[in-house]
Amino acid sequence: MERLPGFRDFYPEPVPARDAWSASVRQHLFAQWRHVAERYGFREYDGPPLEPLELFTVKSGAEIVGQLYNFTDKGGRDVSLRPEMTPTLARMAAAAERQYKKPLKWFAIPQLFRYERQQKGRLREHFQFNADILGEADPAADAELIALLIDSLRALGLTGEDFVVRLSSRTAWQEFFDRGAADRSRAYEFFQVVDKLEREAPETSAQRLDELGFTLAQVREFIERAEPTADLQAILSSLSARNLAAYVKLDYTVIRGLAYYTGTVFEAFDRKGEFRAIAGGGRYDNLLKLISGGKVDLPALGFGMGDVVLTELLRARGRLPAREGALDVFVLVADEAQRTASLGFVQQLREAGSRVEYPMTPAKWDRQFKRALELGATWTAQLLAAANGGAAVRLKALATREEFELPLADALGRIVSRAG
């Protein structure tokens, strides 16, 4: 029985193959994302992986259905596995925003699902770090969010030589479109063309722009000029004050294809251009009003960072965490007469917070020792009958092969202090 296409198994270390996905690496990403978000004062939320289909079609239109895992449930409801987190956030915030002081600074690490063609950096499921600020229209919020994005990548060992955040403005593009458009109702079509400029043939882009009343030369000139709006300038000044300006550059090729963006937009890319975007986001000041049917109107912005491209980038740059020992101590039971006492010692260690394994059934000493090495234990420990009738422990540090014979209480203290 094989897993479904586009889905992943996460194995414990050591993974069975070079291209297998590691549960330890996933946990490392989650831990760093949470740590940095909490440093920035963000609070974690979550929602159900299954939502009403309408939650996604009201935001993105009926055409999104072809990209979803959707079905009719046993209650006759049209539902979908969540393809993104922002609609769930908007629904939750609209329902409970009166219970929270503004601005809301929330983050989540959901698993998301899209039924689409698999390709490098894109599967049919992934985990994603979402961070959003709701209830603040000032560009200070945009700067805060971008700083969080930068520090989230730095926490994983990436530097300014590895990535850059490309910053743009949907407002600037809207003004450009309004000045030259023959039909202002076709703005979204225009944004889609600009979003694909780097991926489509110039002749295709030129033809599509011509249909909208623009030339490719006009669009490229606007991109090259890259005059910052007042909001973008404020964001750049704020990031400069934090000594983060080197991680950001103005780039009007970034426009973000989704229709709901309203102001600042940005994407993080690897400097070498080998991968898809690492992260992307921007302002969506009208979404809560749309989701709530006009009952709640809060400015909002956020970004999403998926684990697939990020893991590929970390692997390529040699920034995946080194495999650490999975165990603090392996308790050897060389003498079955000591098994009962050894079990008590195992329990004491675990209650003190240590990661402990032991042979559950009788086994030869050399097999036990080999198992301790396979599990990456820091110590082996063997209970001994002390001459005074008490208990002693023979400790061995596997990295140095140093051995100690200590009273039980002293051995417990040494293991726990080193594990902590």
Protein backbone atom coordinates (compact mmCIF):
# COMPACT_ATOMS: atom_id res chain seq x y z
CA MET A 1 0.00 0.00 0.00
CA GLU A 2 1.55 3.32 -1.09
CA ARG A 3 0.81 6.84 0.08
CA LEU A 4 -1.24 9.16 -2.14
CA PRO A 5 0.63 11.22 -4.77
CA GLY A 6 1.74 14.60 -3.48
CA PHE A 7 1.59 13.61 0.18
CA ARG A 8 4.48 12.83 2.52
CA ASP A 9 5.56 10.42 5.21
CA PHE A 10 7.72 11.90 7.99
CA TYR A 11 10.18 9.41 9.45
CA PRO A 12 12.16 9.57 12.69
CA GLU A 13 15.92 9.93 12.36
CA PRO A 14 17.82 8.33 10.81
CA VAL A 15 15.52 8.58 7.77
CA PRO A 16 15.49 5.50 5.50
CA ALA A 17 16.55 7.36 2.34
CA ARG A 18 18.26 10.63 1.44
CA ASP A 19 15.09 12.12 -0.04
CA ALA A 20 12.81 10.97 2.81
CA TRP A 21 11.15 13.65 4.93
CA SER A 22 12.32 13.94 8.52
CA ALA A 23 9.96 14.39 11.46
CA SER A 24 12.88 15.90 13.38
CA VAL A 25 13.49 18.56 10.72
CA ARG A 26 9.78 19.38 10.68
CA GLN A 27 9.83 19.77 14.45
CA HIS A 28 12.90 22.00 14.17
CA LEU A 29 11.08 24.33 11.76
CA PHE A 30 8.00 24.45 13.98
CA ALA A 31 10.08 25.18 17.08
CA GLN A 32 11.97 28.06 15.43
CA TRP A 33 8.81 29.53 13.92
CA ARG A 34 7.07 29.48 17.30
CA HIS A 35 10.09 30.86 19.14
CA VAL A 36 10.52 33.87 16.85
CA ALA A 37 6.77 34.59 16.63
CA GLU A 38 6.50 34.61 20.42
CA ARG A 39 9.52 36.93 20.66
CA TYR A 40 7.55 39.34 18.48
CA GLY A 41 4.48 39.12 20.70
CA PHE A 42 2.40 36.95 18.35
CA ARG A 43 -0.06 34.48 19.84
CA GLU A 44 -0.89 31.08 18.38
CA TYR A 45 -4.31 30.10 17.03
CA ASP A 46 -5.66 27.25 14.92
CA GLY A 47 -8.85 26.27 13.16
CA PRO A 48 -10.40 23.13 11.65
CA PRO A 49 -8.77 21.53 8.59
CA LEU A 50 -12.26 21.11 7.10
CA GLU A 51 -14.22 24.27 6.29
CA PRO A 52 -17.38 25.22 4.35
CA LEU A 53 -16.54 25.42 0.65
CA GLU A 54 -18.12 28.87 0.50
CA LEU A 55 -15.41 30.27 2.78
CA PHE A 56 -12.92 29.85 -0.09
CA THR A 57 -15.17 30.61 -3.06
CA VAL A 58 -16.39 33.89 -1.55
CA LYS A 59 -12.76 35.05 -1.42
CA SER A 60 -11.34 33.53 -4.60
CA GLY A 61 -14.33 32.80 -6.84
CA ALA A 62 -15.73 29.51 -8.13
CA GLU A 63 -12.61 28.85 -10.22
CA ILE A 64 -10.66 27.86 -7.09
CA VAL A 65 -12.81 24.71 -6.68
CA GLY A 66 -10.68 22.90 -9.27
CA GLN A 67 -7.68 23.29 -6.94
CA LEU A 68 -9.39 21.99 -3.80
CA TYR A 69 -10.00 18.69 -2.02
CA ASN A 70 -13.74 19.31 -1.72
CA PHE A 71 -16.78 17.08 -1.35
CA THR A 72 -20.31 16.94 0.01
CA ASP A 73 -20.35 15.52 3.54
CA LYS A 74 -22.95 13.18 5.05
CA GLY A 75 -24.96 16.16 6.23
CA GLY A 76 -25.27 17.45 2.67
CA ARG A 77 -22.82 20.33 3.26
CA ASP A 78 -20.31 21.41 0.61
CA VAL A 79 -16.95 21.33 2.39
CA SER A 80 -13.25 21.50 1.58
CA LEU A 81 -9.92 20.74 3.18
CA ARG A 82 -8.33 24.14 3.77
CA PRO A 83 -6.02 25.24 0.92
CA GLU A 84 -4.84 28.30 2.86
CA MET A 85 -5.25 29.74 6.36
CA THR A 86 -6.20 33.38 5.77
CA PRO A 87 -9.95 32.76 5.21
CA THR A 88 -10.12 30.75 8.45
CA LEU A 89 -8.32 33.54 10.27
CA ALA A 90 -10.69 36.12 8.82
CA ARG A 91 -13.72 34.05 9.84
CA MET A 92 -12.42 33.57 13.39
CA ALA A 93 -11.37 37.19 13.82
CA ALA A 94 -14.68 38.50 12.48
CA ALA A 95 -16.56 36.31 14.96
CA ALA A 96 -14.50 37.24 18.04
CA GLU A 97 -12.68 40.51 17.37
CA ARG A 98 -14.61 42.37 20.09
CA GLN A 99 -13.03 40.09 22.69
CA TYR A 100 -9.48 41.19 21.82
CA LYS A 101 -7.61 44.47 22.01
CA LYS A 102 -6.23 45.68 18.68
CA PRO A 103 -4.02 45.09 16.91
CA LEU A 104 -4.30 41.32 16.87
CA LYS A 105 -0.93 39.64 16.27
CA TRP A 106 -1.68 35.96 15.60
CA PHE A 107 0.25 33.06 14.09
CA ALA A 108 -0.53 29.46 13.14
CA ILE A 109 1.27 26.43 11.70
CA PRO A 110 -1.49 24.62 9.77
CA GLN A 111 -1.32 21.74 7.33
CA LEU A 112 -2.83 22.86 4.01
CA PHE A 113 -4.13 20.90 1.01
CA ARG A 114 -4.41 21.73 -2.70
CA TYR A 115 -5.31 19.39 -5.52
CA GLU A 116 -2.85 20.57 -8.14
CA ARG A 117 -0.03 19.34 -10.33
CA GLN A 118 3.03 18.31 -8.35
CA GLN A 119 6.28 20.08 -9.19
CA LYS A 120 9.53 21.09 -7.53
CA GLY A 121 8.76 22.88 -4.28
CA ARG A 122 5.02 22.26 -4.51
CA LEU A 123 3.10 19.21 -3.28
CA ARG A 124 -0.56 18.52 -2.59
CA GLU A 125 -0.07 19.14 1.12
CA HIS A 126 2.35 21.20 3.14
CA PHE A 127 2.77 22.83 6.51
CA GLN A 128 2.92 26.60 6.63
CA PHE A 129 3.91 29.31 9.06
CA ASN A 130 1.22 31.99 8.91
CA ALA A 131 1.62 35.30 10.74
CA ASP A 132 -0.91 38.12 10.55
CA ILE A 133 -1.61 41.53 12.09
CA LEU A 134 -5.22 42.70 12.18
CA GLY A 135 -6.56 46.09 13.17
CA GLU A 136 -3.58 48.30 12.25
CA ALA A 137 -3.46 50.35 9.03
CA ASP A 138 -0.15 52.11 9.64
CA PRO A 139 2.87 50.87 7.63
CA ALA A 140 4.57 50.23 10.97
CA ALA A 141 2.59 46.97 11.00
CA ASP A 142 3.96 46.04 7.56
CA ALA A 143 7.51 46.67 8.79
CA GLU A 144 6.88 44.58 11.91
CA LEU A 145 5.62 41.66 9.85
CA ILE A 146 8.51 41.79 7.38
CA ALA A 147 10.99 41.96 10.28
CA LEU A 148 9.35 38.83 11.69
CA LEU A 149 9.75 37.09 8.33
CA ILE A 150 13.43 38.04 8.15
CA ASP A 151 14.16 36.92 11.70
CA SER A 152 12.29 33.64 11.15
CA LEU A 153 14.68 32.82 8.31
CA ARG A 154 17.75 34.01 10.24
CA ALA A 155 16.76 31.78 13.17
CA LEU A 156 17.13 28.81 10.81
CA GLY A 157 20.72 29.79 9.99
CA LEU A 158 20.06 31.64 6.73
CA THR A 159 21.86 34.93 6.09
CA GLY A 160 21.60 37.93 3.78
CA GLU A 161 23.67 35.95 1.29
CA ASP A 162 20.98 33.27 1.20
CA PHE A 163 17.72 35.22 0.83
CA VAL A 164 16.16 38.59 0.05
CA VAL A 165 12.67 39.98 0.66
CA ARG A 166 11.38 41.67 -2.48
CA LEU A 167 9.03 44.51 -1.61
CA SER A 168 6.35 46.04 -3.83
CA SER A 169 3.01 47.88 -3.71
CA ARG A 170 -0.34 46.80 -5.06
CA THR A 171 -1.45 50.43 -4.58
CA ALA A 172 1.28 51.68 -6.91
CA TRP A 173 0.31 49.10 -9.51
CA GLN A 174 -3.39 49.99 -9.17
CA GLU A 175 -2.59 53.66 -9.80
CA PHE A 176 -0.48 52.71 -12.83
CA PHE A 177 -3.33 50.60 -14.17
CA ASP A 178 -5.96 53.28 -13.59
CA ARG A 179 -3.91 55.87 -15.50
CA GLY A 180 -3.70 53.79 -18.67
CA ALA A 181 -6.51 51.23 -18.66
CA ALA A 182 -9.19 51.27 -21.29
CA ASP A 183 -11.43 49.17 -19.01
CA ARG A 184 -10.82 49.58 -15.27
CA SER A 185 -12.88 46.49 -14.45
CA ARG A 186 -10.07 44.31 -15.82
CA ALA A 187 -7.52 45.19 -13.12
CA TYR A 188 -7.25 41.60 -11.85
CA GLU A 189 -6.41 40.36 -15.35
CA PHE A 190 -3.66 42.97 -15.51
CA PHE A 191 -2.26 41.92 -12.14
CA GLN A 192 -2.19 38.31 -13.32
CA VAL A 193 -0.12 39.25 -16.38
CA VAL A 194 2.39 41.21 -14.27
CA ASP A 195 2.59 38.36 -11.74
CA LYS A 196 3.68 35.98 -14.53
CA LEU A 197 6.14 38.28 -16.33
CA GLU A 198 9.17 36.32 -15.12
CA ARG A 199 7.60 32.94 -16.00
CA GLU A 200 5.96 33.60 -19.38
CA ALA A 201 7.45 34.30 -22.79
CA PRO A 202 7.74 38.04 -23.54
CA GLU A 203 5.57 37.66 -26.65
CA THR A 204 2.75 36.14 -24.56
CA SER A 205 2.94 38.90 -21.95
CA ALA A 206 3.08 41.59 -24.64
CA GLN A 207 -0.03 40.22 -26.36
CA ARG A 208 -2.02 39.99 -23.12
CA LEU A 209 -0.98 43.51 -22.08
CA ASP A 210 -1.91 44.89 -25.48
CA GLU A 211 -5.44 43.55 -25.01
CA LEU A 212 -5.62 45.57 -21.79
CA GLY A 213 -4.33 48.80 -23.34
CA PHE A 214 -0.66 48.61 -22.26
CA THR A 215 2.67 47.83 -23.83
CA LEU A 216 5.32 45.57 -22.36
CA ALA A 217 7.78 48.46 -22.58
CA GLN A 218 5.52 50.65 -20.39
CA VAL A 219 5.27 47.96 -17.75
CA ARG A 220 9.01 47.27 -17.75
CA GLU A 221 9.80 50.98 -17.47
CA PHE A 222 7.53 51.25 -14.41
CA ILE A 223 9.28 48.25 -12.84
CA GLU A 224 12.76 49.62 -13.54
CA ARG A 225 11.89 53.06 -12.16
CA ALA A 226 10.66 51.47 -8.89
CA GLU A 227 9.72 54.72 -7.17
CA PRO A 228 8.71 53.89 -3.58
CA THR A 229 5.31 54.99 -2.31
CA ALA A 230 5.12 56.80 1.01
CA ASP A 231 4.14 53.52 2.68
CA LEU A 232 7.08 51.64 1.17
CA GLN A 233 9.47 54.39 2.21
CA ALA A 234 8.16 54.22 5.79
CA ILE A 235 8.64 50.44 5.81
CA LEU A 236 12.19 50.71 4.50
CA SER A 237 13.04 53.35 7.12
CA SER A 238 11.68 51.16 9.90
CA LEU A 239 13.65 48.12 8.71
CA SER A 240 16.78 50.26 8.38
CA ALA A 241 16.39 51.36 12.02
CA ARG A 242 16.44 47.66 12.98
CA ASN A 243 19.58 47.02 10.86
CA LEU A 244 17.51 44.79 8.56
CA ALA A 245 17.58 46.92 5.39
CA ALA A 246 20.18 44.66 3.75
CA TYR A 247 17.61 41.86 3.63
CA VAL A 248 15.07 43.87 1.59
CA LYS A 249 14.94 45.47 -1.84
CA LEU A 250 12.26 47.26 -3.84
CA ASP A 251 11.11 45.10 -6.73
CA TYR A 252 7.96 45.95 -8.64
CA THR A 253 7.96 42.62 -10.45
CA VAL A 254 6.31 41.35 -7.26
CA ILE A 255 2.57 41.90 -7.40
CA ARG A 256 1.06 38.69 -5.88
CA GLY A 257 -1.58 37.06 -8.07
CA LEU A 258 -4.35 36.76 -5.48
CA ALA A 259 -7.15 39.27 -5.95
CA TYR A 260 -7.60 40.25 -2.31
CA TYR A 261 -4.28 42.10 -1.82
CA THR A 262 -4.75 45.85 -1.40
CA GLY A 263 -1.43 47.53 -0.51
CA THR A 264 2.10 46.44 0.32
CA VAL A 265 3.06 43.01 -1.04
CA PHE A 266 6.30 41.09 -0.63
CA GLU A 267 7.98 37.76 -1.33
CA ALA A 268 11.13 36.13 0.03
CA PHE A 269 13.45 34.44 -2.47
CA ASP A 270 16.76 32.64 -2.31
CA ARG A 271 19.54 34.86 -3.70
CA LYS A 272 20.70 32.27 -6.24
CA GLY A 273 17.23 31.93 -7.77
CA GLU A 274 17.23 28.14 -7.57
CA PHE A 275 13.87 27.75 -5.81
CA ARG A 276 10.32 29.01 -5.82
CA ALA A 277 9.39 31.81 -3.43
CA ILE A 278 10.18 30.90 0.18
CA ALA A 279 7.38 33.07 1.57
CA GLY A 280 4.91 35.69 0.43
CA GLY A 281 2.26 38.03 1.74
CA GLY A 282 0.91 41.53 1.95
CA ARG A 283 -2.05 43.70 2.94
CA TYR A 284 -5.61 42.48 2.52
CA ASP A 285 -7.58 45.31 4.12
CA ASN A 286 -10.97 44.30 2.64
CA LEU A 287 -11.04 40.57 3.39
CA LEU A 288 -12.64 40.64 6.84
CA LYS A 289 -15.40 42.85 5.53
CA LEU A 290 -15.98 40.40 2.68
CA ILE A 291 -15.95 37.28 4.88
CA SER A 292 -18.23 38.84 7.52
CA GLY A 293 -20.75 40.16 5.03
CA GLY A 294 -19.88 43.75 5.94
CA LYS A 295 -20.26 43.33 9.71
CA VAL A 296 -16.54 43.65 10.57
CA ASP A 297 -14.12 45.95 8.78
CA LEU A 298 -10.52 45.69 9.99
CA PRO A 299 -7.30 46.39 8.09
CA ALA A 300 -5.11 43.30 7.92
CA LEU A 301 -1.89 41.91 6.54
CA GLY A 302 0.01 38.66 6.77
CA PHE A 303 2.40 36.19 5.18
CA GLY A 304 2.74 32.47 4.70
CA MET A 305 5.97 30.42 4.64
CA GLY A 306 5.71 26.80 3.54
CA ASP A 307 7.92 23.99 4.77
CA VAL A 308 8.59 22.34 1.39
CA VAL A 309 10.68 25.02 -0.36
CA LEU A 310 12.23 26.07 2.94
CA THR A 311 13.44 22.53 3.70
CA GLU A 312 14.86 22.18 0.19
CA LEU A 313 16.71 25.49 0.58
CA LEU A 314 18.09 24.58 4.01
CA ARG A 315 19.30 21.24 2.67
CA ALA A 316 20.96 22.87 -0.35
CA ARG A 317 22.75 25.42 1.83
CA GLY A 318 23.82 22.88 4.45
CA ARG A 319 21.66 24.49 7.14
CA LEU A 320 19.60 21.51 8.27
CA PRO A 321 20.22 20.77 11.96
CA ALA A 322 22.80 18.12 12.78
CA ARG A 323 21.25 14.93 14.02
CA GLU A 324 21.37 15.03 17.79
CA GLY A 325 21.28 12.10 20.17
CA ALA A 326 17.73 10.93 20.63
CA LEU A 327 18.46 9.68 24.14
CA ASP A 328 20.08 11.03 27.27
CA VAL A 329 20.74 7.59 28.72
CA PHE A 330 20.35 3.91 27.93
CA VAL A 331 20.03 1.85 31.12
CA LEU A 332 21.80 -1.48 30.69
CA VAL A 333 20.43 -4.54 32.50
CA ALA A 334 23.38 -6.90 32.47
CA ASP A 335 22.17 -8.75 35.58
CA GLU A 336 18.49 -9.72 35.54
CA ALA A 337 18.57 -9.66 39.35
CA GLN A 338 18.88 -5.88 38.99
CA ARG A 339 15.91 -5.49 36.59
CA THR A 340 13.41 -4.36 39.23
CA ALA A 341 15.83 -1.80 40.65
CA SER A 342 16.77 -0.71 37.12
CA LEU A 343 13.12 -0.07 36.27
CA GLY A 344 12.86 2.16 39.33
CA PHE A 345 15.95 4.05 38.16
CA VAL A 346 14.50 4.41 34.65
CA GLN A 347 11.32 5.90 36.12
CA GLN A 348 13.26 8.34 38.31
CA LEU A 349 15.24 9.57 35.31
CA ARG A 350 12.12 10.02 33.18
CA GLU A 351 10.29 11.88 35.93
CA ALA A 352 13.32 14.19 36.15
CA GLY A 353 12.94 15.00 32.43
CA SER A 354 15.56 12.72 30.87
CA ARG A 355 15.02 10.72 27.68
CA VAL A 356 15.61 7.09 28.66
CA GLU A 357 15.53 3.66 27.03
CA TYR A 358 16.31 0.19 28.36
CA PRO A 359 16.01 -3.44 27.16
CA MET A 360 12.42 -4.54 27.80
CA THR A 361 13.40 -8.22 27.65
CA PRO A 362 16.63 -10.04 28.57
CA ALA A 363 19.40 -9.48 26.04
CA LYS A 364 23.14 -10.00 25.84
CA TRP A 365 25.23 -7.12 27.10
CA ASP A 366 26.89 -6.45 23.71
CA ARG A 367 23.49 -6.24 22.00
CA GLN A 368 22.31 -3.77 24.60
CA PHE A 369 25.41 -1.63 24.14
CA LYS A 370 25.01 -1.71 20.35
CA ARG A 371 21.41 -0.59 20.75
CA ALA A 372 22.52 2.35 22.92
CA LEU A 373 24.89 3.44 20.15
CA GLU A 374 22.20 3.05 17.46
CA LEU A 375 19.84 5.26 19.45
CA GLY A 376 22.46 7.97 19.90
CA ALA A 377 22.49 7.83 23.70
CA THR A 378 24.71 10.25 25.56
CA TRP A 379 25.23 7.85 28.49
CA THR A 380 24.90 4.22 29.35
CA ALA A 381 24.04 3.46 32.97
CA GLN A 382 24.19 0.12 34.78
CA LEU A 383 22.96 -0.46 38.31
CA LEU A 384 25.38 -2.27 40.59
CA ALA A 385 24.93 -3.78 44.01
CA ALA A 386 27.08 -1.67 46.33
CA ALA A 387 29.12 -3.27 49.09
CA ASN A 388 27.24 -1.40 51.82
CA GLY A 389 23.93 -2.77 50.61
CA GLY A 390 22.99 0.42 48.79
CA ALA A 391 22.90 1.00 45.04
CA ALA A 392 25.59 2.36 42.74
CA VAL A 393 25.59 3.21 39.05
CA ARG A 394 28.30 2.71 36.48
CA LEU A 395 28.03 5.60 33.99
CA LYS A 396 29.74 5.68 30.62
CA ALA A 397 29.90 8.78 28.41
CA LEU A 398 29.66 7.30 24.91
CA ALA A 399 31.33 10.26 23.20
CA THR A 400 34.53 10.03 25.29
CA ARG A 401 34.28 6.47 26.63
CA GLU A 402 34.91 7.84 30.17
CA GLU A 403 33.46 5.69 32.96
CA PHE A 404 32.36 6.69 36.47
CA GLU A 405 31.04 4.64 39.36
CA LEU A 406 28.77 6.78 41.56
CA PRO A 407 26.11 6.39 44.24
CA LEU A 408 22.65 6.25 42.68
CA ALA A 409 21.62 9.76 43.78
CA ASP A 410 24.86 11.28 42.42
CA ALA A 411 24.48 9.47 39.10
CA LEU A 412 20.91 10.70 38.79
CA GLY A 413 22.04 14.27 39.44
CA ARG A 414 24.87 14.09 36.88
CA ILE A 415 22.63 12.71 34.10
CA VAL A 416 19.84 15.19 34.74
CA SER A 417 22.20 18.19 34.92
CA ARG A 418 23.86 17.27 31.63
CA ALA A 419 20.50 16.58 29.93
CA GLY A 420 19.14 19.94 31.07
